[in-house]
PDB file of N, CA and C in Angstrom:
ATOM      1  N   MET A   1      60.655 139.332  48.671  1.00  0.00           N
ATOM      2  CA  MET A   1      59.684 138.459  49.101  1.00  0.00           C
ATOM      3  C   MET A   1      58.579 139.149  49.947  1.00  0.00           C
ATOM      4  N   LYS A   2      57.397 138.294  50.047  1.00  0.00           N
ATOM      5  CA  LYS A   2      56.287 138.966  50.724  1.00  0.00           C
ATOM      6  C   LYS A   2      56.150 138.297  52.043  1.00  0.00           C
ATOM      7  N   CYS A   3      55.532 138.780  52.937  1.00  0.00           N
ATOM      8  CA  CYS A   3      55.087 138.260  54.317  1.00  0.00           C
ATOM      9  C   CYS A   3      53.966 137.197  54.164  1.00  0.00           C
ATOM     10  N   HIS A   4      54.168 135.880  54.684  1.00  0.00           N
ATOM     11  CA  HIS A   4      53.214 134.958  54.587  1.00  0.00           C
ATOM     12  C   HIS A   4      51.843 135.182  55.340  1.00  0.00           C
ATOM     13  N   VAL A   5      52.057 136.121  56.276  1.00  0.00           N
ATOM     14  CA  VAL A   5      50.941 136.465  57.154  1.00  0.00           C
ATOM     15  C   VAL A   5      50.040 137.626  56.652  1.00  0.00           C
ATOM     16  N   CYS A   6      50.745 138.697  56.117  1.00  0.00           N
ATOM     17  CA  CYS A   6      49.919 139.929  55.774  1.00  0.00           C
ATOM     18  C   CYS A   6      50.255 140.317  54.370  1.00  0.00           C
ATOM     19  N   GLY A   7      51.343 139.694  53.712  1.00  0.00           N
ATOM     20  CA  GLY A   7      51.561 140.160  52.432  1.00  0.00           C
ATOM     21  C   GLY A   7      52.572 141.318  52.310  1.00  0.00           C
ATOM     22  N   GLY A   8      52.966 141.787  53.420  1.00  0.00           N
ATOM     23  CA  GLY A   8      53.830 143.047  53.416  1.00  0.00           C
ATOM     24  C   GLY A   8      55.267 142.766  52.953  1.00  0.00           C
ATOM     25  N   PRO A   9      55.970 143.601  52.680  1.00  0.00           N
ATOM     26  CA  PRO A   9      57.278 143.220  52.327  1.00  0.00           C
ATOM     27  C   PRO A   9      58.382 142.766  53.399  1.00  0.00           C
ATOM     28  N   LEU A  10      59.151 141.845  53.104  1.00  0.00           N
ATOM     29  CA  LEU A  10      60.092 141.280  54.111  1.00  0.00           C
ATOM     30  C   LEU A  10      61.528 142.094  53.852  1.00  0.00           C
ATOM     31  N   GLU A  11      61.894 142.576  54.868  1.00  0.00           N
ATOM     32  CA  GLU A  11      63.458 143.387  54.697  1.00  0.00           C
ATOM     33  C   GLU A  11      64.366 142.634  55.559  1.00  0.00           C
ATOM     34  N   PRO A  12      65.709 142.735  55.108  1.00  0.00           N
ATOM     35  CA  PRO A  12      66.547 141.989  55.859  1.00  0.00           C
ATOM     36  C   PRO A  12      66.988 142.908  57.041  1.00  0.00           C
ATOM     37  N   THR A  13      67.308 142.228  58.284  1.00  0.00           N
ATOM     38  CA  THR A  13      67.692 142.762  59.497  1.00  0.00           C
ATOM     39  C   THR A  13      68.371 141.787  60.436  1.00  0.00           C
ATOM     40  N   VAL A  14      69.016 142.234  61.442  1.00  0.00           N
ATOM     41  CA  VAL A  14      69.627 141.452  62.351  1.00  0.00           C
ATOM     42  C   VAL A  14      68.987 141.640  63.699  1.00  0.00           C
ATOM     43  N   THR A  15      68.893 140.321  64.438  1.00  0.00           N
ATOM     44  CA  THR A  15      68.301 140.457  65.706  1.00  0.00           C
ATOM     45  C   THR A  15      68.885 139.350  66.759  1.00  0.00           C
ATOM     46  N   HIS A  16      68.289 139.465  67.876  1.00  0.00           N
ATOM     47  CA  HIS A  16      68.777 138.568  68.981  1.00  0.00           C
ATOM     48  C   HIS A  16      67.471 137.610  69.129  1.00  0.00           C
ATOM     49  N   MET A  17      67.689 136.209  69.130  1.00  0.00           N
ATOM     50  CA  MET A  17      66.503 135.446  69.075  1.00  0.00           C
ATOM     51  C   MET A  17      66.746 134.084  70.165  1.00  0.00           C
ATOM     52  N   PRO A  18      65.717 134.038  70.955  1.00  0.00           N
ATOM     53  CA  PRO A  18      65.803 132.865  71.952  1.00  0.00           C
ATOM     54  C   PRO A  18      65.304 131.459  71.168  1.00  0.00           C
ATOM     55  N   PHE A  19      65.906 130.428  71.582  1.00  0.00           N
ATOM     56  CA  PHE A  19      65.373 129.103  71.109  1.00  0.00           C
ATOM     57  C   PHE A  19      65.359 128.249  72.301  1.00  0.00           C
ATOM     58  N   LYS A  20      64.119 127.702  72.446  1.00  0.00           N
ATOM     59  CA  LYS A  20      63.903 126.787  73.428  1.00  0.00           C
ATOM     60  C   LYS A  20      64.370 125.350  73.007  1.00  0.00           C
ATOM     61  N   THR A  21      65.515 124.797  73.575  1.00  0.00           N
ATOM     62  CA  THR A  21      65.938 123.554  73.123  1.00  0.00           C
ATOM     63  C   THR A  21      65.362 122.393  73.772  1.00  0.00           C
ATOM     64  N   ASP A  22      64.887 122.438  74.953  1.00  0.00           N
ATOM     65  CA  ASP A  22      64.135 121.387  75.739  1.00  0.00           C
ATOM     66  C   ASP A  22      63.342 122.159  76.795  1.00  0.00           C
ATOM     67  N   ALA A  23      62.863 121.453  77.788  1.00  0.00           N
ATOM     68  CA  ALA A  23      61.962 121.918  78.718  1.00  0.00           C
ATOM     69  C   ALA A  23      62.722 122.903  79.649  1.00  0.00           C
ATOM     70  N   LYS A  24      63.864 122.849  79.828  1.00  0.00           N
ATOM     71  CA  LYS A  24      64.576 123.604  80.755  1.00  0.00           C
ATOM     72  C   LYS A  24      65.795 124.412  80.215  1.00  0.00           C
ATOM     73  N   ARG A  25      65.913 124.423  78.850  1.00  0.00           N
ATOM     74  CA  ARG A  25      67.024 125.131  78.299  1.00  0.00           C
ATOM     75  C   ARG A  25      66.693 126.000  77.220  1.00  0.00           C
ATOM     76  N   ILE A  26      67.304 127.175  77.401  1.00  0.00           N
ATOM     77  CA  ILE A  26      67.192 128.264  76.322  1.00  0.00           C
ATOM     78  C   ILE A  26      68.548 128.786  75.700  1.00  0.00           C
ATOM     79  N   VAL A  27      68.540 128.913  74.380  1.00  0.00           N
ATOM     80  CA  VAL A  27      69.784 129.411  73.863  1.00  0.00           C
ATOM     81  C   VAL A  27      69.415 130.622  73.064  1.00  0.00           C
ATOM     82  N   ILE A  28      70.175 131.632  73.472  1.00  0.00           N
ATOM     83  CA  ILE A  28      69.841 133.069  72.769  1.00  0.00           C
ATOM     84  C   ILE A  28      70.924 133.232  71.709  1.00  0.00           C
ATOM     85  N   LEU A  29      70.663 133.446  70.529  1.00  0.00           N
ATOM     86  CA  LEU A  29      71.545 133.741  69.358  1.00  0.00           C
ATOM     87  C   LEU A  29      71.485 135.197  69.000  1.00  0.00           C
ATOM     88  N   LYS A  30      72.652 135.764  69.167  1.00  0.00           N
ATOM     89  CA  LYS A  30      72.925 137.152  68.955  1.00  0.00           C
ATOM     90  C   LYS A  30      73.109 137.465  67.479  1.00  0.00           C
ATOM     91  N   ASP A  31      72.729 138.515  67.047  1.00  0.00           N
ATOM     92  CA  ASP A  31      73.107 138.910  65.525  1.00  0.00           C
ATOM     93  C   ASP A  31      72.715 138.040  64.614  1.00  0.00           C
ATOM     94  N   LEU A  32      71.481 137.635  64.789  1.00  0.00           N
ATOM     95  CA  LEU A  32      70.931 136.410  63.720  1.00  0.00           C
ATOM     96  C   LEU A  32      70.416 137.228  62.553  1.00  0.00           C
ATOM     97  N   PRO A  33      70.788 137.008  61.319  1.00  0.00           N
ATOM     98  CA  PRO A  33      70.088 137.561  60.174  1.00  0.00           C
ATOM     99  C   PRO A  33      68.794 136.970  59.912  1.00  0.00           C
ATOM    100  N   VAL A  34      67.876 137.811  59.803  1.00  0.00           N
ATOM    101  CA  VAL A  34      66.424 137.371  59.389  1.00  0.00           C
ATOM    102  C   VAL A  34      65.817 138.281  58.410  1.00  0.00           C
ATOM    103  N   LEU A  35      64.799 137.830  57.799  1.00  0.00           N
ATOM    104  CA  LEU A  35      63.877 138.743  57.086  1.00  0.00           C
ATOM    105  C   LEU A  35      62.670 139.190  57.954  1.00  0.00           C
ATOM    106  N   GLN A  36      62.290 140.429  58.120  1.00  0.00           N
ATOM    107  CA  GLN A  36      61.152 140.776  59.020  1.00  0.00           C
ATOM    108  C   GLN A  36      60.324 141.755  58.134  1.00  0.00           C
ATOM    109  N   CYS A  37      58.927 141.423  58.272  1.00  0.00           N
ATOM    110  CA  CYS A  37      58.026 142.102  57.746  1.00  0.00           C
ATOM    111  C   CYS A  37      57.946 143.539  58.247  1.00  0.00           C
ATOM    112  N   ALA A  38      57.900 144.382  57.389  1.00  0.00           N
ATOM    113  CA  ALA A  38      57.873 146.137  57.772  1.00  0.00           C
ATOM    114  C   ALA A  38      56.300 146.374  58.292  1.00  0.00           C
ATOM    115  N   SER A  39      55.264 145.579  57.900  1.00  0.00           N
ATOM    116  CA  SER A  39      54.104 145.813  58.299  1.00  0.00           C
ATOM    117  C   SER A  39      53.684 145.216  59.625  1.00  0.00           C
ATOM    118  N   CYS A  40      53.813 143.725  59.951  1.00  0.00           N
ATOM    119  CA  CYS A  40      53.460 143.204  61.039  1.00  0.00           C
ATOM    120  C   CYS A  40      54.437 142.643  61.890  1.00  0.00           C
ATOM    121  N   ALA A  41      55.881 142.725  61.661  1.00  0.00           N
ATOM    122  CA  ALA A  41      56.891 142.343  62.397  1.00  0.00           C
ATOM    123  C   ALA A  41      57.062 140.847  62.350  1.00  0.00           C
ATOM    124  N   GLU A  42      56.320 140.042  61.574  1.00  0.00           N
ATOM    125  CA  GLU A  42      56.638 138.578  61.331  1.00  0.00           C
ATOM    126  C   GLU A  42      57.933 138.411  60.848  1.00  0.00           C
ATOM    127  N   PHE A  43      58.638 137.299  61.098  1.00  0.00           N
ATOM    128  CA  PHE A  43      59.828 137.091  60.719  1.00  0.00           C
ATOM    129  C   PHE A  43      60.169 135.867  59.934  1.00  0.00           C
ATOM    130  N   LEU A  44      61.105 135.700  59.146  1.00  0.00           N
ATOM    131  CA  LEU A  44      61.536 134.416  58.490  1.00  0.00           C
ATOM    132  C   LEU A  44      62.940 134.248  58.499  1.00  0.00           C
ATOM    133  N   ILE A  45      63.386 132.967  58.729  1.00  0.00           N
ATOM    134  CA  ILE A  45      64.786 132.591  58.812  1.00  0.00           C
ATOM    135  C   ILE A  45      65.108 131.807  57.667  1.00  0.00           C
ATOM    136  N   GLU A  46      65.967 132.239  56.752  1.00  0.00           N
ATOM    137  CA  GLU A  46      66.269 131.493  55.491  1.00  0.00           C
ATOM    138  C   GLU A  46      66.857 130.224  55.803  1.00  0.00           C
ATOM    139  N   ASP A  47      66.738 129.349  54.953  1.00  0.00           N
ATOM    140  CA  ASP A  47      67.117 127.822  54.941  1.00  0.00           C
ATOM    141  C   ASP A  47      68.689 127.790  55.319  1.00  0.00           C
ATOM    142  N   ALA A  48      69.428 128.483  54.762  1.00  0.00           N
ATOM    143  CA  ALA A  48      70.999 128.394  54.848  1.00  0.00           C
ATOM    144  C   ALA A  48      71.272 128.978  56.412  1.00  0.00           C
ATOM    145  N   VAL A  49      70.516 130.018  56.864  1.00  0.00           N
ATOM    146  CA  VAL A  49      70.887 130.432  58.297  1.00  0.00           C
ATOM    147  C   VAL A  49      70.247 129.481  59.178  1.00  0.00           C
ATOM    148  N   MET A  50      69.186 128.815  58.939  1.00  0.00           N
ATOM    149  CA  MET A  50      68.627 127.834  59.773  1.00  0.00           C
ATOM    150  C   MET A  50      69.515 126.521  59.927  1.00  0.00           C
ATOM    151  N   ALA A  51      70.088 126.260  58.858  1.00  0.00           N
ATOM    152  CA  ALA A  51      70.946 125.117  58.886  1.00  0.00           C
ATOM    153  C   ALA A  51      72.269 125.387  59.817  1.00  0.00           C
ATOM    154  N   GLN A  52      72.816 126.741  59.773  1.00  0.00           N
ATOM    155  CA  GLN A  52      73.731 127.100  60.678  1.00  0.00           C
ATOM    156  C   GLN A  52      73.157 127.149  62.120  1.00  0.00           C
ATOM    157  N   VAL A  53      71.805 127.582  62.388  1.00  0.00           N
ATOM    158  CA  VAL A  53      71.269 127.658  63.619  1.00  0.00           C
ATOM    159  C   VAL A  53      71.245 126.152  64.249  1.00  0.00           C
ATOM    160  N   ASP A  54      70.858 125.331  63.540  1.00  0.00           N
ATOM    161  CA  ASP A  54      70.723 123.882  63.813  1.00  0.00           C
ATOM    162  C   ASP A  54      72.042 123.378  64.334  1.00  0.00           C
ATOM    163  N   MET A  55      73.103 123.666  63.640  1.00  0.00           N
ATOM    164  CA  MET A  55      74.348 123.206  64.103  1.00  0.00           C
ATOM    165  C   MET A  55      74.880 123.884  65.285  1.00  0.00           C
ATOM    166  N   MET A  56      74.567 125.167  65.550  1.00  0.00           N
ATOM    167  CA  MET A  56      75.054 125.852  66.779  1.00  0.00           C
ATOM    168  C   MET A  56      74.197 125.260  67.952  1.00  0.00           C
ATOM    169  N   LEU A  57      72.930 125.019  67.839  1.00  0.00           N
ATOM    170  CA  LEU A  57      72.043 124.602  68.882  1.00  0.00           C
ATOM    171  C   LEU A  57      72.660 123.104  69.385  1.00  0.00           C
ATOM    172  N   ALA A  58      73.096 122.253  68.315  1.00  0.00           N
ATOM    173  CA  ALA A  58      73.408 120.941  68.567  1.00  0.00           C
ATOM    174  C   ALA A  58      74.709 121.029  69.300  1.00  0.00           C
ATOM    175  N   GLU A  59      75.344 122.207  69.234  1.00  0.00           N
ATOM    176  CA  GLU A  59      76.796 122.237  69.863  1.00  0.00           C
ATOM    177  C   GLU A  59      76.566 122.993  71.330  1.00  0.00           C
ATOM    178  N   ALA A  60      75.463 123.462  71.639  1.00  0.00           N
ATOM    179  CA  ALA A  60      75.269 124.083  72.862  1.00  0.00           C
ATOM    180  C   ALA A  60      75.478 123.303  74.125  1.00  0.00           C
ATOM    181  N   ASP A  61      75.934 123.836  75.148  1.00  0.00           N
ATOM    182  CA  ASP A  61      76.223 123.038  76.456  1.00  0.00           C
ATOM    183  C   ASP A  61      74.913 122.520  76.989  1.00  0.00           C
ATOM    184  N   GLU A  62      74.725 121.240  77.125  1.00  0.00           N
ATOM    185  CA  GLU A  62      73.462 120.670  77.513  1.00  0.00           C
ATOM    186  C   GLU A  62      73.266 120.868  79.020  1.00  0.00           C
ATOM    187  N   ARG A  63      74.225 121.176  79.564  1.00  0.00           N
ATOM    188  CA  ARG A  63      74.260 121.359  81.328  1.00  0.00           C
ATOM    189  C   ARG A  63      73.691 122.876  81.733  1.00  0.00           C
ATOM    190  N   ALA A  64      73.817 123.790  80.530  1.00  0.00           N
ATOM    191  CA  ALA A  64      73.445 125.140  80.858  1.00  0.00           C
ATOM    192  C   ALA A  64      71.788 125.257  80.787  1.00  0.00           C
ATOM    193  N   GLU A  65      71.394 125.981  81.684  1.00  0.00           N
ATOM    194  CA  GLU A  65      69.879 126.339  81.474  1.00  0.00           C
ATOM    195  C   GLU A  65      69.701 127.551  80.646  1.00  0.00           C
ATOM    196  N   LEU A  66      70.689 128.356  80.593  1.00  0.00           N
ATOM    197  CA  LEU A  66      70.787 129.620  79.523  1.00  0.00           C
ATOM    198  C   LEU A  66      72.214 129.647  78.973  1.00  0.00           C
ATOM    199  N   GLU A  67      71.969 129.800  77.755  1.00  0.00           N
ATOM    200  CA  GLU A  67      73.411 129.995  76.966  1.00  0.00           C
ATOM    201  C   GLU A  67      73.137 131.018  75.924  1.00  0.00           C
ATOM    202  N   ILE A  68      74.166 131.967  75.808  1.00  0.00           N
ATOM    203  CA  ILE A  68      74.073 133.042  74.841  1.00  0.00           C
ATOM    204  C   ILE A  68      75.176 132.785  73.763  1.00  0.00           C
ATOM    205  N   MET A  69      74.794 132.838  72.534  1.00  0.00           N
ATOM    206  CA  MET A  69      75.907 132.541  71.518  1.00  0.00           C
ATOM    207  C   MET A  69      75.801 133.638  70.432  1.00  0.00           C
ATOM    208  N   SER A  70      76.852 134.099  69.824  1.00  0.00           N
ATOM    209  CA  SER A  70      76.895 134.877  68.737  1.00  0.00           C
ATOM    210  C   SER A  70      76.704 134.159  67.515  1.00  0.00           C
ATOM    211  N   TYR A  71      75.959 134.486  66.514  1.00  0.00           N
ATOM    212  CA  TYR A  71      75.827 133.870  65.145  1.00  0.00           C
ATOM    213  C   TYR A  71      76.928 134.456  64.308  1.00  0.00           C
ATOM    214  N   ALA A  72      77.578 133.524  63.617  1.00  0.00           N
ATOM    215  CA  ALA A  72      78.673 133.879  62.800  1.00  0.00           C
ATOM    216  C   ALA A  72      78.403 133.052  61.445  1.00  0.00           C
ATOM    217  N   ALA A  73      78.148 133.886  60.425  1.00  0.00           N
ATOM    218  CA  ALA A  73      77.916 133.277  59.170  1.00  0.00           C
ATOM    219  C   ALA A  73      79.015 132.644  58.673  1.00  0.00           C
TER     220      ALA A  73
END
């Protein structure tokens, strides 16, 4: 795959990524598999991974301002 920003190659990697779920809540997902551009560091989350992320964010504690979860495929 090619980067949609610069055209560089996308390489699979694992990272930690924050998701702001509303005005006062952030969920950090650890060990999230993404495709990252070797040239400009832009990233892409594949559809199957994003579906899992959506489910995880829906299950996050709504009372917590910050929650850290590990991604498990």
